[in-house]
N, C-alpha and C. Protein backbone atom coordinates (compact mmCIF):
# COMPACT_ATOMS: atom_id res chain seq x y z
N UNK A 1 -108.50 68.04 72.87
CA UNK A 1 -108.62 69.35 73.59
C UNK A 1 -108.06 70.48 72.69
N UNK A 2 -106.91 70.17 72.15
CA UNK A 2 -106.33 71.30 71.37
C UNK A 2 -107.19 71.63 70.10
N UNK A 3 -107.73 70.61 69.56
CA UNK A 3 -108.51 70.86 68.38
C UNK A 3 -109.83 71.68 68.80
N UNK A 4 -110.50 71.14 69.82
CA UNK A 4 -111.73 71.79 70.35
C UNK A 4 -111.37 73.29 70.74
N UNK A 5 -110.17 73.59 71.18
CA UNK A 5 -109.92 75.01 71.53
C UNK A 5 -109.77 75.84 70.30
N UNK A 6 -109.43 75.26 69.21
CA UNK A 6 -109.36 76.09 67.97
C UNK A 6 -110.70 76.23 67.23
N UNK A 7 -111.65 75.39 67.64
CA UNK A 7 -113.00 75.37 67.00
C UNK A 7 -114.15 75.39 67.96
N UNK A 8 -114.28 76.45 68.77
CA UNK A 8 -115.33 76.53 69.81
C UNK A 8 -116.64 76.30 69.18
N UNK A 9 -117.44 75.41 69.68
CA UNK A 9 -118.79 75.11 69.25
C UNK A 9 -118.91 74.33 67.89
N UNK A 10 -117.79 74.08 67.35
CA UNK A 10 -117.82 73.46 65.87
C UNK A 10 -117.75 71.91 66.07
N UNK A 11 -117.47 71.45 67.16
CA UNK A 11 -117.33 69.97 67.32
C UNK A 11 -118.52 69.50 68.15
N UNK A 12 -119.30 68.58 67.57
CA UNK A 12 -120.52 68.06 68.28
C UNK A 12 -120.09 66.76 69.12
N UNK A 13 -120.87 66.57 70.19
CA UNK A 13 -120.74 65.34 70.90
C UNK A 13 -122.15 64.78 71.16
N UNK A 14 -122.37 63.51 70.91
CA UNK A 14 -123.52 62.79 71.15
C UNK A 14 -123.74 62.40 72.57
N UNK A 15 -125.04 62.38 73.00
CA UNK A 15 -125.32 61.75 74.31
C UNK A 15 -126.71 61.06 74.13
N UNK A 16 -126.99 60.29 75.24
CA UNK A 16 -128.17 59.56 75.23
C UNK A 16 -129.44 60.42 75.75
N UNK A 17 -129.19 61.74 75.73
CA UNK A 17 -130.34 62.62 76.07
C UNK A 17 -129.92 63.66 77.12
N UNK A 18 -130.69 64.65 77.20
CA UNK A 18 -130.44 65.72 78.22
C UNK A 18 -130.53 65.26 79.63
N UNK A 19 -129.51 65.61 80.40
CA UNK A 19 -129.45 65.27 81.71
C UNK A 19 -128.92 63.92 82.06
N UNK A 20 -128.53 63.14 80.98
CA UNK A 20 -127.92 61.79 81.20
C UNK A 20 -126.49 61.93 81.59
N UNK A 21 -126.00 60.91 82.13
CA UNK A 21 -124.50 60.82 82.43
C UNK A 21 -123.57 61.21 81.20
N UNK A 22 -123.91 60.69 80.01
CA UNK A 22 -123.04 61.11 78.91
C UNK A 22 -123.08 62.62 78.62
N UNK A 23 -124.31 63.25 78.73
CA UNK A 23 -124.42 64.60 78.53
C UNK A 23 -123.54 65.41 79.59
N UNK A 24 -123.75 65.01 80.84
CA UNK A 24 -123.03 65.74 81.84
C UNK A 24 -121.61 65.45 81.79
N UNK A 25 -121.20 64.35 81.34
CA UNK A 25 -119.70 64.02 81.18
C UNK A 25 -119.09 65.03 80.13
N UNK A 26 -119.83 65.29 79.16
CA UNK A 26 -119.39 66.30 78.09
C UNK A 26 -119.31 67.67 78.63
N UNK A 27 -120.34 68.06 79.49
CA UNK A 27 -120.37 69.38 80.04
C UNK A 27 -119.16 69.59 81.06
N UNK A 28 -118.89 68.47 81.74
CA UNK A 28 -117.77 68.52 82.65
C UNK A 28 -116.47 68.73 81.93
N UNK A 29 -116.38 68.04 80.71
CA UNK A 29 -115.21 68.13 79.87
C UNK A 29 -115.06 69.64 79.41
N UNK A 30 -116.21 70.16 78.94
CA UNK A 30 -116.12 71.52 78.50
C UNK A 30 -115.70 72.43 79.48
N UNK A 31 -116.16 72.38 80.71
CA UNK A 31 -115.91 73.27 81.78
C UNK A 31 -114.35 73.07 82.15
N UNK A 32 -113.96 71.86 82.39
CA UNK A 32 -112.67 71.65 82.93
C UNK A 32 -111.54 71.96 81.83
N UNK A 33 -111.86 71.61 80.60
CA UNK A 33 -110.93 71.78 79.45
C UNK A 33 -110.95 73.17 78.93
N UNK A 34 -111.93 74.01 79.25
CA UNK A 34 -112.03 75.26 78.75
C UNK A 34 -112.37 75.36 77.31
N UNK A 35 -113.21 74.33 76.87
CA UNK A 35 -113.62 74.26 75.34
C UNK A 35 -115.16 74.35 75.39
N UNK A 36 -115.66 74.35 74.12
CA UNK A 36 -117.08 74.24 73.86
C UNK A 36 -117.44 73.15 72.82
N UNK A 37 -117.66 71.97 73.21
CA UNK A 37 -118.13 71.01 72.34
C UNK A 37 -119.75 71.25 72.42
N UNK A 38 -120.30 71.08 71.26
CA UNK A 38 -121.80 71.20 71.19
C UNK A 38 -122.51 69.97 71.38
N UNK A 39 -123.48 70.07 72.38
CA UNK A 39 -124.23 68.84 72.79
C UNK A 39 -125.34 68.49 71.76
N UNK A 40 -125.44 67.25 71.36
CA UNK A 40 -126.38 66.73 70.48
C UNK A 40 -127.06 65.64 71.22
N UNK A 41 -128.31 65.93 71.76
CA UNK A 41 -129.00 64.93 72.58
C UNK A 41 -129.84 63.92 71.76
N UNK A 42 -129.78 62.76 72.02
CA UNK A 42 -130.52 61.58 71.31
C UNK A 42 -131.55 61.05 72.29
N UNK A 43 -132.38 60.18 71.82
CA UNK A 43 -133.35 59.55 72.71
C UNK A 43 -132.87 58.10 73.04
N UNK A 44 -131.68 58.07 73.59
CA UNK A 44 -131.03 56.74 74.01
C UNK A 44 -129.64 56.61 73.34
N UNK A 45 -128.87 55.70 74.01
CA UNK A 45 -127.51 55.51 73.51
C UNK A 45 -127.41 54.83 72.20
N UNK A 46 -128.35 53.98 71.89
CA UNK A 46 -128.37 53.22 70.59
C UNK A 46 -128.45 54.25 69.41
N UNK A 47 -129.30 55.17 69.45
CA UNK A 47 -129.43 56.10 68.40
C UNK A 47 -128.20 57.00 68.36
N UNK A 48 -127.73 57.47 69.46
CA UNK A 48 -126.50 58.25 69.34
C UNK A 48 -125.32 57.48 68.85
N UNK A 49 -125.14 56.25 69.24
CA UNK A 49 -124.07 55.47 68.77
C UNK A 49 -124.17 55.21 67.29
N UNK A 50 -125.37 55.04 66.72
CA UNK A 50 -125.53 54.84 65.29
C UNK A 50 -125.03 56.05 64.53
N UNK A 51 -125.20 57.23 65.04
CA UNK A 51 -124.83 58.44 64.37
C UNK A 51 -123.32 58.67 64.49
N UNK A 52 -122.73 58.17 65.64
CA UNK A 52 -121.27 58.29 65.86
C UNK A 52 -120.59 57.23 64.84
N UNK A 53 -121.16 56.07 64.85
CA UNK A 53 -120.50 55.05 64.02
C UNK A 53 -120.60 55.50 62.54
N UNK A 54 -121.65 56.18 62.06
CA UNK A 54 -121.79 56.58 60.67
C UNK A 54 -120.95 57.82 60.40
N UNK A 55 -120.44 58.56 61.50
CA UNK A 55 -119.62 59.73 61.27
C UNK A 55 -120.37 60.97 61.22
N UNK A 56 -121.70 60.97 61.46
CA UNK A 56 -122.57 62.10 61.59
C UNK A 56 -122.08 62.97 62.70
N UNK A 57 -121.80 62.35 63.84
CA UNK A 57 -121.33 63.03 65.07
C UNK A 57 -120.01 62.40 65.46
N UNK A 58 -118.93 63.27 65.63
CA UNK A 58 -117.64 62.74 65.75
C UNK A 58 -117.20 62.20 67.14
N UNK A 59 -117.99 62.52 68.21
CA UNK A 59 -117.58 62.28 69.57
C UNK A 59 -118.70 61.81 70.39
N UNK A 60 -118.54 60.88 71.29
CA UNK A 60 -119.50 60.55 72.30
C UNK A 60 -118.87 60.15 73.58
N UNK A 61 -119.47 60.52 74.66
CA UNK A 61 -119.18 60.12 75.98
C UNK A 61 -120.04 58.91 76.21
N UNK A 62 -119.60 57.75 75.94
CA UNK A 62 -120.63 56.58 75.90
C UNK A 62 -120.37 55.59 77.00
N UNK A 63 -121.38 54.99 77.48
CA UNK A 63 -121.21 53.92 78.51
C UNK A 63 -120.45 52.74 77.88
N UNK A 64 -119.57 52.16 78.72
CA UNK A 64 -118.77 51.03 78.21
C UNK A 64 -119.67 49.94 77.55
N UNK A 65 -120.80 49.68 78.10
CA UNK A 65 -121.66 48.66 77.64
C UNK A 65 -122.10 48.86 76.26
N UNK A 66 -122.34 50.16 75.84
CA UNK A 66 -122.63 50.62 74.52
C UNK A 66 -121.53 50.65 73.51
N UNK A 67 -120.41 51.09 74.04
CA UNK A 67 -119.19 51.31 73.08
C UNK A 67 -118.38 50.04 72.90
N UNK A 68 -118.19 49.22 73.93
CA UNK A 68 -117.35 48.06 73.93
C UNK A 68 -117.45 47.27 72.69
N UNK A 69 -118.58 46.76 72.29
CA UNK A 69 -118.62 45.91 71.07
C UNK A 69 -118.15 46.56 69.82
N UNK A 70 -118.33 47.82 69.70
CA UNK A 70 -117.83 48.64 68.56
C UNK A 70 -116.42 48.94 68.66
N UNK A 71 -115.85 48.98 69.75
CA UNK A 71 -114.42 49.20 69.95
C UNK A 71 -113.67 47.96 69.64
N UNK A 72 -114.27 46.70 70.20
CA UNK A 72 -113.70 45.40 69.95
C UNK A 72 -113.66 45.07 68.46
N UNK A 73 -114.79 45.46 67.76
CA UNK A 73 -114.81 45.14 66.30
C UNK A 73 -113.94 46.05 65.49
N UNK A 74 -113.38 47.12 65.99
CA UNK A 74 -112.66 48.04 65.27
C UNK A 74 -113.42 49.18 64.63
N UNK A 75 -114.72 49.26 64.77
CA UNK A 75 -115.56 50.28 64.18
C UNK A 75 -115.38 51.58 64.89
N UNK A 76 -114.98 51.58 66.27
CA UNK A 76 -114.83 52.82 67.00
C UNK A 76 -113.44 52.87 67.64
N UNK A 77 -112.88 54.04 67.70
CA UNK A 77 -111.57 54.22 68.47
C UNK A 77 -111.87 54.79 69.76
N UNK A 78 -111.46 54.10 70.80
CA UNK A 78 -111.52 54.57 72.14
C UNK A 78 -110.39 55.58 72.35
N UNK A 79 -110.77 56.75 72.96
CA UNK A 79 -109.65 57.68 73.19
C UNK A 79 -109.22 57.67 74.71
N UNK A 80 -110.17 57.49 75.62
CA UNK A 80 -109.88 57.47 77.01
C UNK A 80 -111.10 57.04 77.79
N UNK A 81 -110.92 56.60 79.06
CA UNK A 81 -112.03 56.34 79.90
C UNK A 81 -112.16 57.52 80.86
N UNK A 82 -113.43 57.71 81.25
CA UNK A 82 -113.73 58.86 82.13
C UNK A 82 -113.50 58.55 83.57
N UNK A 83 -113.32 57.30 83.89
CA UNK A 83 -113.25 57.01 85.45
C UNK A 83 -111.93 57.45 85.94
N UNK A 84 -111.82 57.52 87.31
CA UNK A 84 -110.57 57.92 87.91
C UNK A 84 -109.29 56.95 87.64
N UNK A 85 -109.67 55.73 87.51
CA UNK A 85 -108.62 54.74 87.30
C UNK A 85 -108.97 54.06 85.95
N UNK A 86 -107.93 53.42 85.40
CA UNK A 86 -108.10 52.62 84.20
C UNK A 86 -109.06 51.49 84.41
N UNK A 87 -109.78 51.14 83.34
CA UNK A 87 -110.78 50.15 83.46
C UNK A 87 -110.16 48.70 83.34
N UNK A 88 -110.74 47.75 84.11
CA UNK A 88 -110.09 46.39 84.00
C UNK A 88 -110.43 45.80 82.65
N UNK A 89 -111.36 46.27 81.89
CA UNK A 89 -111.72 45.68 80.54
C UNK A 89 -110.79 46.33 79.49
N UNK A 90 -110.09 47.44 79.78
CA UNK A 90 -109.30 48.04 78.87
C UNK A 90 -108.09 48.80 79.53
N UNK A 91 -107.25 47.97 80.16
CA UNK A 91 -106.29 48.45 80.98
C UNK A 91 -105.17 49.34 80.34
N UNK A 92 -105.06 49.21 78.97
CA UNK A 92 -104.02 49.97 78.23
C UNK A 92 -104.67 51.39 77.85
N UNK A 93 -105.93 51.49 77.98
CA UNK A 93 -106.61 52.85 77.65
C UNK A 93 -106.43 53.83 78.74
N UNK A 94 -105.86 54.97 78.49
CA UNK A 94 -105.68 55.91 79.56
C UNK A 94 -106.98 56.57 80.11
N UNK A 95 -106.96 57.13 81.20
CA UNK A 95 -108.04 57.96 81.72
C UNK A 95 -107.96 59.30 81.13
N UNK A 96 -109.06 60.08 81.11
CA UNK A 96 -108.97 61.48 80.60
C UNK A 96 -108.03 62.22 81.49
N UNK A 97 -108.00 62.03 82.72
CA UNK A 97 -107.10 62.64 83.65
C UNK A 97 -105.67 62.49 83.22
N UNK A 98 -105.29 61.14 82.89
CA UNK A 98 -103.97 60.92 82.49
C UNK A 98 -103.72 61.48 81.08
N UNK A 99 -104.64 61.79 80.29
CA UNK A 99 -104.45 62.23 78.99
C UNK A 99 -104.33 63.87 78.93
N UNK A 100 -104.25 64.41 80.10
CA UNK A 100 -104.06 65.81 80.18
C UNK A 100 -105.10 66.69 80.80
N UNK A 101 -106.23 66.16 81.24
CA UNK A 101 -107.20 66.93 81.90
C UNK A 101 -107.28 66.45 83.39
N UNK A 102 -106.23 66.89 84.15
CA UNK A 102 -106.08 66.35 85.50
C UNK A 102 -107.32 66.61 86.34
N UNK A 103 -107.71 65.54 87.03
CA UNK A 103 -108.88 65.52 87.92
C UNK A 103 -110.17 65.29 87.31
N UNK A 104 -110.26 65.10 86.09
CA UNK A 104 -111.53 64.75 85.38
C UNK A 104 -111.86 63.33 85.74
N UNK A 105 -113.25 63.16 86.18
CA UNK A 105 -113.62 61.90 86.52
C UNK A 105 -115.07 61.78 86.52
N UNK A 106 -115.70 60.96 85.71
CA UNK A 106 -117.14 60.70 85.78
C UNK A 106 -117.30 59.24 85.59
N UNK A 107 -118.25 58.64 86.13
CA UNK A 107 -118.62 57.30 85.95
C UNK A 107 -120.11 57.03 86.33
N UNK A 108 -120.69 55.95 85.74
CA UNK A 108 -121.98 55.64 86.13
C UNK A 108 -121.75 54.63 87.34
N UNK A 109 -122.46 54.90 88.35
CA UNK A 109 -122.27 53.99 89.49
C UNK A 109 -123.58 53.45 89.97
N UNK A 110 -123.64 52.41 90.61
CA UNK A 110 -124.77 51.75 91.10
C UNK A 110 -124.55 51.45 92.66
N UNK A 111 -125.67 51.53 93.44
CA UNK A 111 -125.50 51.21 94.79
C UNK A 111 -126.76 50.60 95.26
N UNK A 112 -126.75 49.90 96.46
CA UNK A 112 -127.86 49.24 96.96
C UNK A 112 -128.28 50.09 98.17
N UNK A 113 -129.56 50.49 98.25
CA UNK A 113 -129.99 51.27 99.38
C UNK A 113 -131.16 50.61 100.06
N UNK A 114 -131.40 50.84 101.22
CA UNK A 114 -132.56 50.20 102.07
C UNK A 114 -133.22 51.39 102.69
N UNK A 115 -134.48 51.07 103.15
CA UNK A 115 -135.19 52.21 103.85
C UNK A 115 -134.51 52.61 105.18
N UNK A 116 -134.60 53.90 105.45
CA UNK A 116 -133.91 54.44 106.71
C UNK A 116 -134.16 53.70 107.86
N UNK A 117 -135.38 53.08 108.08
CA UNK A 117 -135.77 52.45 109.27
C UNK A 117 -135.24 50.92 109.34
N UNK A 118 -134.50 50.52 108.30
CA UNK A 118 -133.98 49.15 108.29
C UNK A 118 -133.06 48.95 109.49
N UNK A 119 -133.21 47.97 110.30
CA UNK A 119 -132.31 47.76 111.46
C UNK A 119 -130.83 47.68 111.03
N UNK A 120 -129.93 48.17 111.88
CA UNK A 120 -128.51 48.31 111.56
C UNK A 120 -127.90 46.86 111.31
N UNK A 121 -128.34 45.86 112.07
CA UNK A 121 -127.84 44.47 111.81
C UNK A 121 -128.19 44.03 110.47
N UNK A 122 -129.36 44.35 110.00
CA UNK A 122 -129.79 43.92 108.59
C UNK A 122 -128.99 44.64 107.60
N UNK A 123 -128.83 45.94 107.85
CA UNK A 123 -127.90 46.74 106.94
C UNK A 123 -126.50 46.17 106.87
N UNK A 124 -125.91 45.86 107.98
CA UNK A 124 -124.61 45.11 108.05
C UNK A 124 -124.56 43.91 107.24
N UNK A 125 -125.62 42.98 107.42
CA UNK A 125 -125.72 41.65 106.75
C UNK A 125 -125.78 41.96 105.23
N UNK A 126 -126.56 42.88 104.75
CA UNK A 126 -126.69 43.21 103.33
C UNK A 126 -125.38 43.69 102.74
N UNK A 127 -124.82 44.61 103.44
CA UNK A 127 -123.54 45.17 103.02
C UNK A 127 -122.51 44.13 102.86
N UNK A 128 -122.42 43.26 103.86
CA UNK A 128 -121.44 42.16 103.89
C UNK A 128 -121.69 41.20 102.70
N UNK A 129 -122.95 40.87 102.44
CA UNK A 129 -123.34 39.81 101.47
C UNK A 129 -123.06 40.52 100.06
N UNK A 130 -123.34 41.74 99.90
CA UNK A 130 -123.11 42.39 98.61
C UNK A 130 -121.58 42.47 98.32
N UNK A 131 -120.88 42.85 99.24
CA UNK A 131 -119.37 43.03 99.07
C UNK A 131 -118.79 41.67 98.80
N UNK A 132 -119.35 40.67 99.43
CA UNK A 132 -118.83 39.27 99.17
C UNK A 132 -119.21 38.82 97.76
N UNK A 133 -120.46 39.10 97.45
CA UNK A 133 -120.95 38.60 96.04
C UNK A 133 -120.16 39.22 94.83
N UNK A 134 -119.77 40.47 94.97
CA UNK A 134 -119.03 41.16 93.84
C UNK A 134 -117.66 40.64 93.71
N UNK A 135 -117.22 39.84 94.62
CA UNK A 135 -115.81 39.30 94.45
C UNK A 135 -115.81 37.90 93.88
N UNK A 136 -117.04 37.28 93.70
CA UNK A 136 -117.15 35.84 93.19
C UNK A 136 -116.83 35.97 91.72
N UNK A 137 -116.13 34.99 91.06
CA UNK A 137 -115.84 34.95 89.70
C UNK A 137 -117.01 35.06 88.84
N UNK A 138 -118.14 34.48 89.15
CA UNK A 138 -119.23 34.70 88.32
C UNK A 138 -119.90 36.07 88.18
N UNK A 139 -120.01 36.74 89.37
CA UNK A 139 -120.53 38.03 89.33
C UNK A 139 -119.46 39.06 88.78
N UNK A 140 -118.21 38.82 89.12
CA UNK A 140 -117.12 39.74 88.53
C UNK A 140 -117.25 39.66 87.08
N UNK A 141 -117.30 38.43 86.58
CA UNK A 141 -117.28 38.28 85.01
C UNK A 141 -118.48 38.87 84.35
N UNK A 142 -119.65 38.76 85.02
CA UNK A 142 -120.78 39.34 84.46
C UNK A 142 -120.73 40.91 84.48
N UNK A 143 -120.24 41.45 85.53
CA UNK A 143 -120.09 42.84 85.65
C UNK A 143 -119.01 43.41 84.67
N UNK A 144 -117.76 42.67 84.51
CA UNK A 144 -116.77 43.07 83.66
C UNK A 144 -117.30 43.07 82.24
N UNK A 145 -118.16 42.11 81.85
CA UNK A 145 -118.67 41.94 80.46
C UNK A 145 -119.56 43.13 80.03
N UNK A 146 -120.00 43.84 81.10
CA UNK A 146 -120.76 45.13 80.85
C UNK A 146 -119.95 46.38 81.03
N UNK A 147 -118.61 46.14 81.25
CA UNK A 147 -117.75 47.28 81.46
C UNK A 147 -117.85 47.86 82.86
N UNK A 148 -118.32 47.08 83.79
CA UNK A 148 -118.40 47.60 85.21
C UNK A 148 -117.28 47.11 86.09
N UNK A 149 -116.53 47.94 86.71
CA UNK A 149 -115.54 47.57 87.65
C UNK A 149 -116.27 47.67 89.10
N UNK A 150 -116.39 46.61 89.71
CA UNK A 150 -117.09 46.54 90.99
C UNK A 150 -116.18 46.97 92.11
N UNK A 151 -116.53 47.94 92.90
CA UNK A 151 -115.67 48.46 93.89
C UNK A 151 -115.96 48.03 95.29
N UNK A 152 -117.26 47.99 95.72
CA UNK A 152 -117.60 47.54 97.12
C UNK A 152 -117.19 48.61 98.04
N UNK A 153 -117.26 48.28 99.27
CA UNK A 153 -116.81 49.23 100.40
C UNK A 153 -117.82 49.29 101.41
N UNK A 154 -117.61 50.23 102.40
CA UNK A 154 -118.39 50.33 103.60
C UNK A 154 -119.63 51.23 103.32
N UNK A 155 -120.65 51.14 104.14
CA UNK A 155 -121.91 52.01 103.97
C UNK A 155 -121.43 53.52 104.16
N UNK A 156 -120.54 53.72 105.03
CA UNK A 156 -120.12 55.15 105.36
C UNK A 156 -119.36 55.71 104.15
N UNK A 157 -118.59 54.84 103.47
CA UNK A 157 -117.81 55.31 102.30
C UNK A 157 -118.82 55.60 101.10
N UNK A 158 -119.82 54.76 100.97
CA UNK A 158 -120.75 55.01 99.93
C UNK A 158 -121.57 56.25 100.25
N UNK A 159 -122.06 56.43 101.47
CA UNK A 159 -122.76 57.66 101.86
C UNK A 159 -122.00 58.91 101.57
N UNK A 160 -120.70 58.96 101.82
CA UNK A 160 -119.75 59.95 101.57
C UNK A 160 -119.65 60.21 99.92
N UNK A 161 -119.49 59.12 99.28
CA UNK A 161 -119.35 59.23 97.80
C UNK A 161 -120.57 59.75 97.16
N UNK A 162 -121.78 59.34 97.66
CA UNK A 162 -123.06 59.83 97.05
C UNK A 162 -123.10 61.37 97.38
N UNK A 163 -122.81 61.88 98.63
CA UNK A 163 -122.81 63.28 98.92
C UNK A 163 -121.85 64.00 98.07
N UNK A 164 -120.69 63.55 97.87
CA UNK A 164 -119.57 64.19 97.02
C UNK A 164 -120.08 64.31 95.59
N UNK A 165 -120.67 63.19 95.04
CA UNK A 165 -121.18 63.16 93.69
C UNK A 165 -122.36 64.15 93.48
N UNK A 166 -123.26 64.25 94.44
CA UNK A 166 -124.43 65.09 94.44
C UNK A 166 -123.94 66.61 94.29
N UNK A 167 -123.02 66.87 95.13
CA UNK A 167 -122.43 68.31 95.23
C UNK A 167 -121.77 68.60 93.84
N UNK A 168 -120.98 67.67 93.36
CA UNK A 168 -120.21 67.79 92.20
C UNK A 168 -121.13 68.15 91.01
N UNK A 169 -122.16 67.33 90.90
CA UNK A 169 -122.97 67.42 89.66
C UNK A 169 -123.97 68.63 89.81
N UNK A 170 -124.36 69.01 91.02
CA UNK A 170 -125.19 70.22 91.27
C UNK A 170 -124.39 71.41 90.84
N UNK A 171 -123.16 71.47 91.20
CA UNK A 171 -122.22 72.66 90.89
C UNK A 171 -122.02 72.68 89.31
N UNK A 172 -121.84 71.54 88.71
CA UNK A 172 -121.51 71.56 87.26
C UNK A 172 -122.81 71.92 86.49
N UNK A 173 -124.00 71.47 86.93
CA UNK A 173 -125.21 71.90 86.21
C UNK A 173 -125.46 73.31 86.24
N UNK A 174 -125.21 73.93 87.43
CA UNK A 174 -125.40 75.35 87.58
C UNK A 174 -124.37 76.19 86.64
N UNK A 175 -123.13 75.73 86.83
CA UNK A 175 -122.05 76.40 86.04
C UNK A 175 -122.11 76.31 84.58
N UNK A 176 -122.60 75.10 84.10
CA UNK A 176 -122.65 74.87 82.65
C UNK A 176 -123.88 75.48 81.96
N UNK A 177 -124.95 75.70 82.80
CA UNK A 177 -126.18 76.10 82.16
C UNK A 177 -126.88 75.08 81.52
N UNK A 178 -126.52 73.74 81.72
CA UNK A 178 -127.17 72.63 81.06
C UNK A 178 -128.66 72.64 81.29
N UNK A 179 -129.43 72.32 80.09
CA UNK A 179 -130.81 72.45 80.16
C UNK A 179 -131.34 70.95 80.12
N UNK A 180 -132.44 70.78 80.72
CA UNK A 180 -133.03 69.51 80.83
C UNK A 180 -134.49 69.50 80.25
N UNK A 181 -134.92 68.68 79.48
CA UNK A 181 -136.30 68.62 78.98
C UNK A 181 -137.19 67.92 79.95
């Protein structure tokens, strides 16, 4: 952050394309840190990662599944995770919030949705089955190998989270002036 403040617009960050999670993670960083990293959109994480590994672009807000093999090999240096809590796959790596940008949090999340007309008892059974499955060693290991921390929770909690995330990103997009192709 200190370096970026002394060089507005001079430090590039790669993303997997306009409007992607890594793009918006960078825009949130710019807004919250009061800096201006320049966005370099690619057509996918692999192309962006190739240019980061070669040194063509110095920074990337990368999905764990893309970055992890390169971090483990020593080819990349991880600075922080964007999630609210430290990741189970890299517990010694601080969050961006812990690193001095209090309240910063972005993550790629997945949820299971059903049509509105799905009977409540079926919704309850699906929710219970999903919450149980993500605690099994096999599923947990598969998710962790991709850098995913499974959270689970109630349908109401997930609905609230989706509404909060939608509001957060809508405000960020408007405030940042981010453009989408």
